[in-house]
Protein backbone atom coordinates (compact mmCIF):
# COMPACT_ATOMS: atom_id res chain seq x y z
CA MET A 1 -6.22 0.86 -15.11
CA ILE A 2 -9.76 1.66 -16.46
CA ASP A 3 -10.49 5.50 -16.40
CA ILE A 4 -13.98 6.50 -15.31
CA GLY A 5 -15.02 7.70 -19.09
CA THR A 6 -14.39 4.21 -20.54
CA ALA A 7 -15.96 2.69 -17.57
CA LEU A 8 -19.07 4.56 -17.75
CA ARG A 9 -19.29 4.19 -21.64
CA HIS A 10 -19.23 0.45 -21.02
CA TYR A 11 -21.91 0.17 -18.06
CA LYS A 12 -24.24 2.74 -19.44
CA ARG A 13 -24.87 0.21 -22.13
CA LYS A 14 -28.79 -0.97 -21.70
CA ASP A 15 -27.74 -4.88 -23.07
CA VAL A 16 -24.93 -4.78 -20.85
CA GLN A 17 -27.25 -3.41 -18.05
CA ASP A 18 -29.90 -5.66 -18.63
CA GLU A 19 -27.47 -8.81 -18.52
CA MET A 20 -25.83 -7.81 -15.35
CA LEU A 21 -29.21 -7.37 -13.46
CA ALA A 22 -30.47 -10.67 -14.88
CA ASP A 23 -27.44 -12.25 -13.02
CA SER A 24 -27.85 -10.75 -9.89
CA LYS A 25 -31.24 -12.53 -8.75
CA ASN A 26 -30.40 -13.95 -5.38
CA LYS A 27 -27.03 -13.34 -5.44
CA GLU A 28 -24.69 -10.84 -3.46
CA VAL A 29 -22.97 -8.57 -5.89
CA VAL A 30 -20.01 -6.29 -4.68
CA ALA A 31 -18.20 -3.26 -6.76
CA ARG A 32 -14.42 -2.88 -7.17
CA PHE A 33 -12.97 0.51 -6.70
CA GLY A 34 -9.85 -0.15 -8.96
CA ASP A 35 -6.70 -0.20 -6.48
CA LYS A 36 -8.71 0.72 -3.76
CA GLY A 37 -10.39 -2.50 -3.55
CA PHE A 38 -14.14 -3.89 -2.99
CA GLY A 39 -16.82 -1.72 -1.91
CA LYS A 40 -19.11 -2.60 1.18
CA ARG A 41 -20.66 -5.87 1.90
CA PRO A 42 -22.87 -7.30 1.49
CA ASP A 43 -24.46 -5.54 -1.34
CA THR A 44 -26.85 -6.30 -4.45
CA LEU A 45 -27.83 -4.97 -7.87
CA ASN A 46 -31.69 -4.07 -8.42
CA TYR A 47 -31.86 -1.21 -10.82
CA PRO A 48 -29.57 0.04 -13.65
CA SER A 49 -29.42 3.02 -11.63
CA ASP A 50 -27.23 0.95 -9.05
CA ILE A 51 -24.71 0.12 -11.41
CA ILE A 52 -24.62 3.63 -12.69
CA GLU A 53 -24.09 5.07 -9.10
CA GLN A 54 -21.46 2.59 -8.57
CA VAL A 55 -19.27 3.42 -11.56
CA LYS A 56 -19.51 7.59 -11.17
CA ASN A 57 -18.12 7.08 -7.58
CA GLY A 58 -15.02 4.96 -9.38
CA ALA A 59 -16.44 1.44 -9.35
CA THR A 60 -14.32 -0.69 -12.19
CA SER A 61 -15.77 -3.88 -12.13
CA PHE A 62 -18.36 -5.89 -10.24
CA HIS A 63 -17.96 -9.44 -8.33
CA ILE A 64 -20.87 -11.90 -8.14
CA SER A 65 -21.57 -14.55 -5.63
CA GLU A 66 -21.35 -18.63 -6.16
CA GLU A 67 -23.75 -18.85 -3.65
CA ARG A 68 -27.43 -18.10 -3.95
CA TRP A 69 -29.06 -16.44 -0.96
CA LYS A 70 -32.65 -15.56 0.16
CA ASN A 71 -31.73 -11.95 0.88
CA PRO A 72 -28.11 -10.85 0.27
CA LEU A 73 -28.38 -8.21 2.23
CA GLN A 74 -28.97 -10.02 5.55
CA LEU A 75 -25.44 -11.32 5.23
CA THR A 76 -23.48 -10.23 7.98
CA THR A 77 -19.64 -10.70 9.04
CA PRO A 78 -19.26 -12.55 11.30
CA MET A 79 -21.76 -15.38 10.82
CA THR A 80 -22.26 -18.85 11.90
CA LYS A 81 -22.43 -21.93 10.04
CA LYS A 82 -26.05 -22.54 10.60
CA GLU A 83 -26.87 -18.82 9.73
CA MET A 84 -25.58 -19.07 6.30
CA ASP A 85 -27.04 -22.43 5.68
CA ASP A 86 -30.74 -20.57 6.68
CA LEU A 87 -30.30 -17.94 4.15
CA ARG A 88 -28.52 -20.22 1.41
CA ILE A 89 -30.67 -21.17 -1.18
CA GLY A 90 -27.94 -23.27 -3.26
CA TRP A 91 -24.57 -22.69 -4.96
CA ASP A 92 -23.50 -22.72 -8.79
CA LEU A 93 -20.57 -24.53 -9.70
CA VAL A 94 -18.01 -21.96 -10.60
CA ILE A 95 -14.68 -23.41 -11.75
CA ASP A 96 -11.56 -21.08 -12.53
CA ILE A 97 -8.85 -21.83 -15.11
CA ASP A 98 -6.32 -19.50 -14.90
CA PHE A 99 -2.66 -20.92 -15.90
CA GLU A 100 -0.06 -18.73 -16.64
CA ILE A 101 0.36 -19.60 -20.71
CA TRP A 102 -2.71 -18.83 -22.56
CA GLU A 103 -2.60 -21.78 -24.54
CA ILE A 104 -2.31 -23.88 -21.60
CA THR A 105 -5.10 -22.43 -20.05
CA LYS A 106 -7.23 -23.10 -22.99
CA MET A 107 -5.98 -26.76 -23.22
CA ILE A 108 -7.33 -27.03 -19.50
CA GLY A 109 -10.12 -25.36 -20.31
CA HIS A 110 -11.21 -27.79 -23.16
CA LYS A 111 -10.39 -30.86 -21.03
CA ILE A 112 -12.68 -29.89 -17.91
CA ILE A 113 -15.66 -29.06 -20.08
CA ASN A 114 -15.04 -32.37 -21.80
CA ALA A 115 -14.88 -34.17 -18.33
CA LEU A 116 -18.12 -32.49 -17.42
CA LYS A 117 -19.63 -33.76 -20.66
CA GLU A 118 -18.55 -37.36 -19.86
CA GLN A 119 -20.25 -36.96 -16.44
CA GLY A 120 -23.72 -36.61 -18.45
CA ILE A 121 -24.08 -33.15 -17.99
CA SER A 122 -25.35 -30.71 -20.97
CA SER A 123 -25.77 -27.41 -19.09
CA ILE A 124 -21.82 -26.50 -19.04
CA SER A 125 -21.38 -22.65 -19.61
CA CYS A 126 -18.11 -20.75 -20.16
CA LYS A 127 -17.10 -17.15 -20.06
CA PHE A 128 -13.79 -15.64 -20.47
CA SER A 129 -12.78 -14.39 -17.41
CA GLY A 130 -11.52 -11.06 -18.54
CA ASN A 131 -7.86 -11.49 -18.43
CA LYS A 132 -5.96 -14.82 -18.77
CA GLY A 133 -8.18 -17.48 -17.77
CA PHE A 134 -12.00 -18.94 -17.98
CA HIS A 135 -14.74 -19.56 -15.82
CA ILE A 136 -16.40 -22.77 -16.25
CA GLY A 137 -20.15 -23.19 -14.81
CA VAL A 138 -22.82 -25.97 -14.14
CA PRO A 139 -26.07 -24.35 -12.37
CA PHE A 140 -27.46 -25.40 -9.24
CA GLU A 141 -30.30 -27.16 -10.78
CA ALA A 142 -28.56 -29.54 -12.49
CA PHE A 143 -27.49 -31.14 -8.92
CA PRO A 144 -29.63 -33.35 -6.95
CA GLU A 145 -31.17 -32.17 -3.97
CA LYS A 146 -29.47 -34.76 -1.60
CA VAL A 147 -26.12 -36.24 -1.64
CA HIS A 148 -25.37 -39.25 0.35
CA GLY A 149 -28.40 -38.10 2.77
CA TYR A 150 -27.44 -34.74 3.21
CA GLU A 151 -29.11 -31.24 1.92
CA THR A 152 -27.16 -30.36 -1.60
CA ARG A 153 -27.66 -26.47 -0.85
CA LEU A 154 -26.03 -27.06 2.41
CA LEU A 155 -22.72 -28.64 0.83
CA PHE A 156 -20.84 -25.28 0.07
CA PRO A 157 -18.15 -25.14 0.37
CA GLU A 158 -17.30 -28.94 0.60
CA ALA A 159 -19.16 -30.13 -2.10
CA THR A 160 -17.06 -27.25 -5.01
CA LYS A 161 -13.87 -28.53 -3.21
CA ARG A 162 -14.39 -32.21 -3.84
CA VAL A 163 -15.78 -31.59 -7.64
CA VAL A 164 -12.54 -29.53 -8.12
CA SER A 165 -10.18 -31.97 -7.17
CA TYR A 166 -11.91 -34.81 -8.90
CA LEU A 167 -11.88 -33.24 -12.07
CA ALA A 168 -8.21 -32.34 -12.02
CA ASP A 169 -7.48 -35.69 -11.00
CA TYR A 170 -10.21 -36.84 -13.83
CA ILE A 171 -8.27 -35.50 -16.75
CA ASP A 172 -4.64 -35.72 -15.87
CA SER A 173 -4.26 -38.90 -13.71
CA LYS A 174 -1.94 -42.18 -13.47
CA GLU A 175 -4.60 -44.12 -15.27
CA ASN A 176 -4.69 -41.84 -18.34
CA ASN A 177 -0.88 -41.98 -17.86
CA PHE A 178 -0.82 -38.11 -17.32
CA GLN A 179 -1.25 -37.35 -20.87
CA LEU A 180 -2.28 -33.73 -20.53
CA SER A 181 1.06 -33.16 -18.35
CA LYS A 182 3.49 -34.69 -20.94
CA LYS A 183 1.33 -32.43 -23.88
CA ILE A 184 2.01 -29.57 -21.57
CA LEU A 185 5.89 -30.48 -21.13
CA GLU A 186 5.96 -30.11 -24.72
CA ASN A 187 5.21 -26.29 -24.79
CA LYS A 188 8.14 -24.53 -25.11
CA LYS A 189 6.98 -21.55 -22.92
CA PHE A 190 6.41 -23.61 -20.14
CA ASN A 191 10.02 -25.08 -20.45
CA ASP A 192 10.78 -21.43 -20.81
CA MET A 193 9.19 -20.59 -17.48
CA LEU A 194 10.71 -23.74 -16.05
CA LYS A 195 14.19 -22.12 -16.27
CA ASP A 196 12.65 -19.44 -13.98
CA ASN A 197 13.20 -21.14 -10.48
CA GLU A 198 10.79 -18.40 -8.66
CA LYS A 199 7.93 -19.53 -11.19
CA ASN A 200 9.25 -23.28 -11.29
CA LYS A 201 8.14 -23.78 -7.54
CA GLY A 202 5.34 -26.40 -7.47
CA LEU A 203 5.00 -26.33 -10.91
CA ILE A 204 5.81 -30.16 -11.34
CA GLN A 205 5.35 -32.85 -9.04
CA GLU A 206 6.62 -36.77 -9.21
CA ILE A 207 3.30 -39.04 -8.57
CA CYS A 208 3.99 -43.05 -8.05
CA LEU A 209 2.49 -44.81 -10.90
CA ASN A 210 1.89 -47.86 -8.82
CA CYS A 211 -0.38 -46.35 -5.89
CA GLY A 212 -0.73 -42.74 -6.84
CA LYS A 213 1.16 -41.11 -3.78
CA LYS A 214 2.43 -37.66 -4.64
CA ILE A 215 5.97 -37.56 -3.95
CA SER A 216 7.86 -34.56 -2.81
CA GLU A 217 11.66 -33.85 -3.26
CA ASP A 218 12.87 -35.14 0.37
CA GLU A 219 10.82 -38.12 0.25
CA SER A 220 11.78 -39.59 -3.00
CA LYS A 221 15.62 -39.05 -2.32
CA GLN A 222 16.83 -42.17 -0.65
CA ILE A 223 19.65 -42.02 2.17
CA GLU A 224 21.28 -44.72 4.01
CA PHE A 225 22.02 -45.24 7.63
CA ILE A 226 24.87 -47.28 8.98
CA CYS A 227 25.65 -48.44 12.23
CA PRO A 228 29.31 -47.74 13.62
CA LYS A 229 29.24 -50.78 15.71
CA CYS A 230 27.76 -53.84 14.10
CA GLY A 231 27.46 -52.36 10.19
CA LYS A 232 23.86 -52.67 9.93
CA HIS A 233 22.91 -50.75 6.55
CA VAL A 234 19.15 -49.20 6.67
CA LYS A 235 17.77 -46.90 3.89
CA ALA A 236 15.19 -44.23 4.55
CA ASP A 237 13.77 -41.29 2.46
CA ASN A 238 15.40 -37.92 2.93
CA SER A 239 12.98 -36.91 5.73
CA VAL A 240 14.55 -38.79 8.28
CA LYS A 241 17.22 -37.08 10.29
CA TYR A 242 18.30 -39.62 12.47
CA MET A 243 18.04 -43.43 13.25
CA ILE A 244 18.97 -45.61 16.49
CA CYS A 245 20.58 -49.18 15.89
CA GLU A 246 18.14 -51.58 17.40
CA LYS A 247 20.98 -53.96 17.94
CA ASP A 248 23.57 -51.67 19.47
CA ASN A 249 21.27 -48.83 20.40
CA VAL A 250 23.57 -46.38 19.21
CA TYR A 251 23.00 -43.48 16.67
CA MET A 252 23.73 -44.60 12.87
CA GLU A 253 25.87 -42.59 10.37
CA ARG A 254 23.71 -40.78 7.74
CA ILE A 255 25.38 -41.21 4.53
CA ASP A 256 25.29 -39.44 0.79
CA GLU A 257 22.32 -39.70 -0.81
CA SER A 258 21.39 -43.17 -2.96
CA ASN A 259 20.49 -42.82 -6.43
CA ASP A 260 18.06 -45.55 -5.75
CA LYS A 261 14.76 -43.71 -5.55
CA LYS A 262 11.58 -45.30 -4.11
CA CYS A 263 8.14 -44.17 -3.46
CA PRO A 264 7.87 -44.42 0.76
CA LYS A 265 4.71 -45.78 0.54
CA CYS A 266 4.53 -48.98 -1.80
CA GLY A 267 8.31 -48.78 -2.63
CA SER A 268 7.65 -48.48 -6.59
CA LYS A 269 10.59 -46.96 -8.72
CA ASP A 270 8.03 -45.86 -11.28
CA PHE A 271 7.10 -42.33 -11.27
CA GLY A 272 5.19 -40.09 -13.53
CA LYS A 273 5.33 -36.02 -13.53
CA LYS A 274 2.29 -34.40 -13.16
CA VAL A 275 1.96 -30.24 -13.72
CA ASN A 276 0.22 -28.29 -11.18
CA LEU A 277 -3.06 -27.37 -13.66
CA PHE A 278 -3.52 -24.20 -11.13
CA ILE A 279 -7.21 -25.05 -11.15
CA ASP A 280 -8.24 -22.19 -8.65
CA THR A 281 -9.77 -23.48 -5.43
CA LEU A 282 -10.08 -19.90 -4.13
CA LEU A 283 -13.32 -19.93 -5.53
CA VAL A 284 -14.74 -22.76 -3.04
CA SER A 285 -14.59 -20.94 0.13
CA PRO A 286 -17.90 -19.22 1.32
CA ARG A 287 -19.05 -15.91 0.09
CA HIS A 288 -16.13 -15.81 -2.57
CA LEU A 289 -17.18 -13.27 -5.27
CA TYR A 290 -15.95 -14.50 -9.18
CA ARG A 291 -15.79 -11.50 -12.12
CA MET A 292 -19.44 -10.58 -12.94
CA ASN A 293 -20.65 -11.26 -16.49
CA TYR A 294 -19.87 -8.19 -18.75
CA SER A 295 -17.77 -6.62 -16.10
CA LEU A 296 -14.32 -5.04 -16.85
CA HIS A 297 -11.30 -6.06 -16.07
CA GLU A 298 -8.81 -3.88 -14.32
CA LYS A 299 -5.52 -4.88 -15.67
CA SER A 300 -6.49 -6.20 -19.42
CA GLY A 301 -9.61 -3.44 -19.73
CA LEU A 302 -11.19 -6.38 -21.59
CA ALA A 303 -14.87 -7.80 -20.28
CA SER A 304 -15.58 -11.14 -19.09
CA ILE A 305 -17.91 -12.20 -21.69
CA PRO A 306 -19.84 -15.97 -22.08
CA ILE A 307 -18.48 -17.91 -24.89
CA LEU A 308 -19.58 -21.29 -26.37
CA PRO A 309 -18.05 -23.63 -24.62
CA LYS A 310 -16.81 -26.14 -27.44
CA LYS A 311 -15.17 -22.93 -28.94
CA ILE A 312 -12.95 -22.88 -25.94
CA LEU A 313 -9.70 -23.14 -27.96
CA GLU A 314 -10.70 -20.69 -30.62
CA PHE A 315 -11.61 -18.18 -28.36
CA LYS A 316 -9.59 -14.68 -28.92
CA LYS A 317 -9.41 -11.91 -26.48
CA GLN A 318 -9.95 -9.07 -28.90
CA GLU A 319 -13.43 -10.47 -29.04
CA ALA A 320 -13.97 -9.05 -25.18
CA ILE A 321 -12.71 -5.55 -26.21
CA PRO A 322 -15.49 -3.27 -24.68
CA GLU A 323 -15.49 -0.87 -27.87
CA LYS A 324 -16.63 -3.91 -30.13
CA LEU A 325 -18.35 -5.91 -27.73
CA ARG A 326 -21.66 -7.73 -28.85
CA ILE A 327 -23.82 -9.39 -26.30
CA SER A 328 -23.37 -13.24 -26.58
CA LYS A 329 -26.38 -15.31 -27.46
CA TYR A 330 -24.73 -17.74 -25.03
CA LYS A 331 -25.42 -17.35 -20.93
CA PHE A 332 -23.21 -17.99 -18.30
CA LEU A 333 -24.99 -20.62 -15.68
CA ASP A 334 -27.97 -20.50 -18.06
CA LYS A 335 -30.79 -22.23 -16.10
CA ILE A 336 -33.34 -22.51 -18.80
CA ASN A 337 -32.50 -25.98 -20.22
CA VAL A 338 -31.37 -27.71 -17.28
CA LYS A 339 -32.20 -31.43 -16.78
CA LYS A 340 -32.52 -31.52 -13.06
CA GLY A 341 -30.24 -34.07 -11.34
CA GLU A 342 -27.82 -34.34 -14.56
CA ALA A 343 -24.69 -33.83 -12.37
CA ALA A 344 -25.85 -36.32 -9.90
CA LYS A 345 -22.89 -38.67 -11.31
CA LEU A 346 -20.43 -36.05 -11.03
CA ILE A 347 -20.95 -34.93 -7.46
CA ILE A 348 -21.22 -38.64 -6.06
CA GLN A 349 -18.49 -39.78 -7.67
CA ALA A 350 -16.22 -36.77 -6.45
CA PHE A 351 -17.45 -37.14 -2.87
CA ASP A 352 -16.31 -40.96 -3.28
CA TYR A 353 -13.20 -39.91 -4.88
CA ASN A 354 -10.47 -38.97 -2.34
CA PRO A 355 -6.63 -38.02 -3.84
CA GLN A 356 -5.41 -39.52 -0.48
CA ASN A 357 -5.62 -42.82 0.96
CA GLU A 358 -8.80 -43.12 2.80
CA GLU A 359 -6.84 -43.86 5.95
CA ASP A 360 -6.44 -40.28 5.94
CA ASP A 361 -10.22 -39.26 6.12
CA GLU A 362 -10.88 -37.12 9.27
CA ARG A 363 -14.28 -38.42 9.42
CA ILE A 364 -13.25 -42.01 10.38
CA GLU A 365 -13.40 -43.08 13.54
CA ARG A 366 -10.20 -45.25 14.01
CA LYS A 367 -8.20 -47.09 16.61
CA GLU A 368 -5.90 -49.64 17.09
CA TYR A 369 -7.06 -53.27 16.75
CA GLU A 370 -5.44 -56.82 17.37
CA PRO A 371 -6.94 -58.81 14.69
CA LEU A 372 -8.16 -62.58 15.70
CA LYS A 373 -5.32 -65.34 15.41
CA PHE A 374 -8.08 -67.52 13.05
CA ALA A 375 -10.38 -66.20 10.24
CA LEU A 376 -14.06 -65.89 10.69
CA GLN A 377 -16.28 -67.40 7.85
CA GLU A 378 -18.58 -65.09 5.83
CA GLU A 379 -21.37 -66.67 7.39
CA PHE A 380 -20.81 -64.64 10.46
CA PHE A 381 -20.63 -61.32 8.35
CA PRO A 382 -23.15 -58.77 9.16
CA PRO A 383 -25.63 -57.72 6.77
CA CYS A 384 -23.61 -54.39 5.78
CA ILE A 385 -20.65 -56.71 4.52
CA LYS A 386 -22.75 -59.67 2.83
CA LYS A 387 -24.74 -56.75 0.96
CA GLY A 388 -21.87 -54.78 0.14
CA LEU A 389 -20.21 -58.08 -1.34
CA LYS A 390 -22.70 -58.65 -3.72
CA GLY A 391 -21.85 -55.17 -5.91
CA LEU A 392 -22.26 -51.59 -5.50
CA LYS A 393 -23.25 -48.53 -7.48
CA ASP A 394 -21.95 -45.76 -5.39
CA GLY A 395 -19.44 -45.68 -2.67
CA LYS A 396 -17.02 -48.46 -4.22
CA LYS A 397 -13.73 -46.86 -3.16
CA ARG A 398 -15.31 -46.41 0.75
CA PHE A 399 -16.74 -49.99 0.93
CA SER A 400 -13.02 -51.04 -0.35
CA PHE A 401 -11.56 -49.57 2.55
CA LEU A 402 -13.90 -50.55 5.05
CA LEU A 403 -13.72 -54.29 3.58
CA ILE A 404 -10.17 -54.35 3.78
CA ASN A 405 -10.15 -53.36 7.56
CA PHE A 406 -12.94 -55.34 8.51
CA LEU A 407 -11.36 -58.46 6.74
CA THR A 408 -8.08 -57.90 8.52
CA SER A 409 -9.79 -57.37 11.80
CA VAL A 410 -11.29 -60.61 11.65
CA GLY A 411 -8.76 -62.81 10.45
CA TRP A 412 -8.32 -62.92 6.97
CA ASP A 413 -4.73 -63.24 5.45
CA TYR A 414 -3.90 -61.01 2.58
CA GLU A 415 -4.01 -63.53 0.04
CA LYS A 416 -7.79 -64.44 0.29
CA ILE A 417 -8.15 -61.15 0.83
CA GLU A 418 -6.91 -60.12 -2.37
CA LYS A 419 -8.97 -62.99 -3.85
CA ILE A 420 -12.43 -61.48 -2.33
CA ILE A 421 -11.60 -57.69 -3.33
CA VAL A 422 -11.22 -58.82 -7.07
CA GLU A 423 -14.20 -60.97 -6.84
CA TRP A 424 -15.98 -58.07 -5.26
CA ASN A 425 -14.70 -55.58 -7.94
CA LYS A 426 -16.11 -57.57 -10.73
CA LYS A 427 -19.78 -57.64 -9.39
CA ASN A 428 -20.00 -53.58 -9.17
CA GLU A 429 -22.16 -51.77 -12.13
CA GLU A 430 -18.60 -49.87 -12.53
CA PRO A 431 -15.77 -51.95 -11.39
CA LEU A 432 -13.03 -49.65 -9.88
CA ARG A 433 -9.23 -50.16 -11.44
CA GLU A 434 -7.78 -53.44 -10.21
CA ALA A 435 -3.97 -52.03 -9.76
CA ASP A 436 -5.30 -49.55 -7.52
CA LEU A 437 -7.64 -52.05 -5.21
CA LEU A 438 -4.61 -54.79 -5.21
CA ALA A 439 -2.13 -51.45 -4.26
CA LYS A 440 -4.19 -50.94 -1.69
CA VAL A 441 -4.19 -53.94 -0.12
CA ARG A 442 -0.63 -54.23 0.05
CA TYR A 443 0.16 -51.37 1.03
CA HIS A 444 -2.16 -52.28 4.14
CA LYS A 445 -0.38 -55.39 4.42
CA THR A 446 3.14 -53.17 4.83
CA ASN A 447 1.55 -51.19 7.33
CA LYS A 448 1.94 -52.70 10.82
CA LYS A 449 -0.88 -51.14 12.47
CA LYS A 450 -4.41 -52.81 11.93
CA ILE A 451 -7.50 -50.51 12.20
CA LEU A 452 -11.22 -51.26 12.97
CA PRO A 453 -13.45 -50.28 9.87
CA PRO A 454 -15.47 -47.18 10.57
CA ASN A 455 -17.95 -47.51 13.47
CA CYS A 456 -21.59 -48.07 12.62
CA ASN A 457 -22.91 -44.40 13.15
CA ASN A 458 -20.83 -43.38 10.49
CA ALA A 459 -23.24 -42.76 7.88
CA ALA A 460 -20.87 -41.99 4.66
CA TYR A 461 -19.51 -45.53 5.08
CA TYR A 462 -22.91 -47.29 5.55
CA LYS A 463 -26.17 -45.91 5.11
CA ASP A 464 -25.41 -43.34 2.67
CA ILE A 465 -24.19 -46.12 0.15
CA GLY A 466 -27.05 -48.14 0.85
CA ILE A 467 -25.52 -51.06 2.98
CA CYS A 468 -26.93 -50.69 6.10
CA GLU A 469 -29.83 -53.16 6.80
CA PRO A 470 -29.79 -54.03 10.59
CA ASP A 471 -31.33 -57.13 12.16
CA ASN A 472 -31.73 -57.53 15.82
CA LEU A 473 -27.73 -58.09 16.57
CA CYS A 474 -26.77 -54.91 14.99
CA ASN A 475 -28.64 -52.64 17.71
CA LYS A 476 -26.28 -54.33 20.39
CA ILE A 477 -22.70 -53.30 18.68
CA LYS A 478 -20.81 -50.38 17.64
CA ASN A 479 -18.77 -51.86 14.70
CA PRO A 480 -19.28 -54.69 12.22
CA VAL A 481 -16.24 -56.73 13.84
CA ASN A 482 -18.27 -56.88 17.43
CA TYR A 483 -20.97 -58.31 15.04
CA SER A 484 -18.97 -61.11 13.51
CA ARG A 485 -17.30 -61.86 16.82
CA ILE A 486 -20.24 -62.08 19.01
CA LYS A 487 -22.32 -63.92 16.38
CA ALA A 488 -19.34 -66.71 16.33
CA ARG A 489 -18.85 -66.98 19.92
CA SER A 490 -23.09 -67.49 20.04
CA VAL A 491 -22.64 -70.35 17.23
CA LYS A 492 -19.99 -71.64 19.24
CA LYS A 493 -21.34 -71.67 22.66
CA SER A 494 -24.76 -73.31 21.31
CA LYS A 495 -22.78 -76.00 19.49
CA ASN A 496 -21.05 -76.94 22.57
CA ASP A 497 -24.26 -76.92 24.75
């Protein structure tokens, strides 16, 4: 634990005070008092004396908000979302990398930094957290003013959650054959950690290499049920507790597990191992705080200092010893050289990305629907579907989801759907992975429930991706499928007349 003498010597430094006060503008700053926890909220820092007074009262570290506020002192608990939105100016993206093994933490941080660069972002900053991790940041100014029609400043914490999920998959996914996980699995310290059953929990997860589904232990283990009367065999995953024979209406006997391990979603037997990277999502909750620049850390006694992002693999903790500390020429969340909107691609990709199937998206309004017995031709398609089929820049995953549901609802067979999906994907500015699209169609084929595409009032699937161009008929319908049916009936009637 940091003693008051050490804390005073560090926080009395004018250069440290200047850096902390510069970072405090429009931010909530809260002191921590050792094991006693955090001080009163809301609070902020305005003068050097604010820092020293807190330290004399026992403060050991200072923590700052990701969000920027018009007046942090007006924050109260509880507050409605609207009240917080009225105060919120914006937010900075802060990603916390904190793996159990130091070498792997640096490796993950390096991958995240490179991933951000590949998204076209130059205003990336990094700082040592003070103990065993790193904070990687992108300032709010790098983001566009709006995302899919919504003010970006109001998209907290949803936007940061989506960005973190997207990046965690981007740096280690089935598309790159889980290369990062493979490298981690070669680490001796990591393998020693696997031997500890307590630390082993949740460290590794199996992923279907065909459809990308995360497979739990119960799901991947196959069992069999046998009817005692007719002898019928049925395979199922381990989560199925009982089964009734459809023919004899009796309970079937559950027998020993089979070694025939299959994905419960697509049936594939091809699995890969993905390591839980522990990229912290705690920093994506309202009013959450992270350790401030040059703040000390209670456990390590080290300071949280900014470093050059590309030097993360070379960083040594000795550089953060308070007595040897030099103020870095690098700034965390440096706003001076930010290119406005340079993180637009990142946040749009993150909103279009969904690690689960789009069928699980809570925003989609759905109901079961009986598809047509015959296929409606493209001439009867609504304007939104016709425009989307010409190719898209953004929202490709969302459009593929609504397109599959639309086509099944207007009577198209799956062979024809696969063909049009492949043709459409080639027209996109950045095509999606064809294998993923075809897997999505095949999964839809095995799922007996047919559902409508999202309704027309679901902006995320139409207006936000730029395909909503309504005509006179659009004003009379709620769903694209209704448009096609009404138009087909109208044409048929006019021909009969």
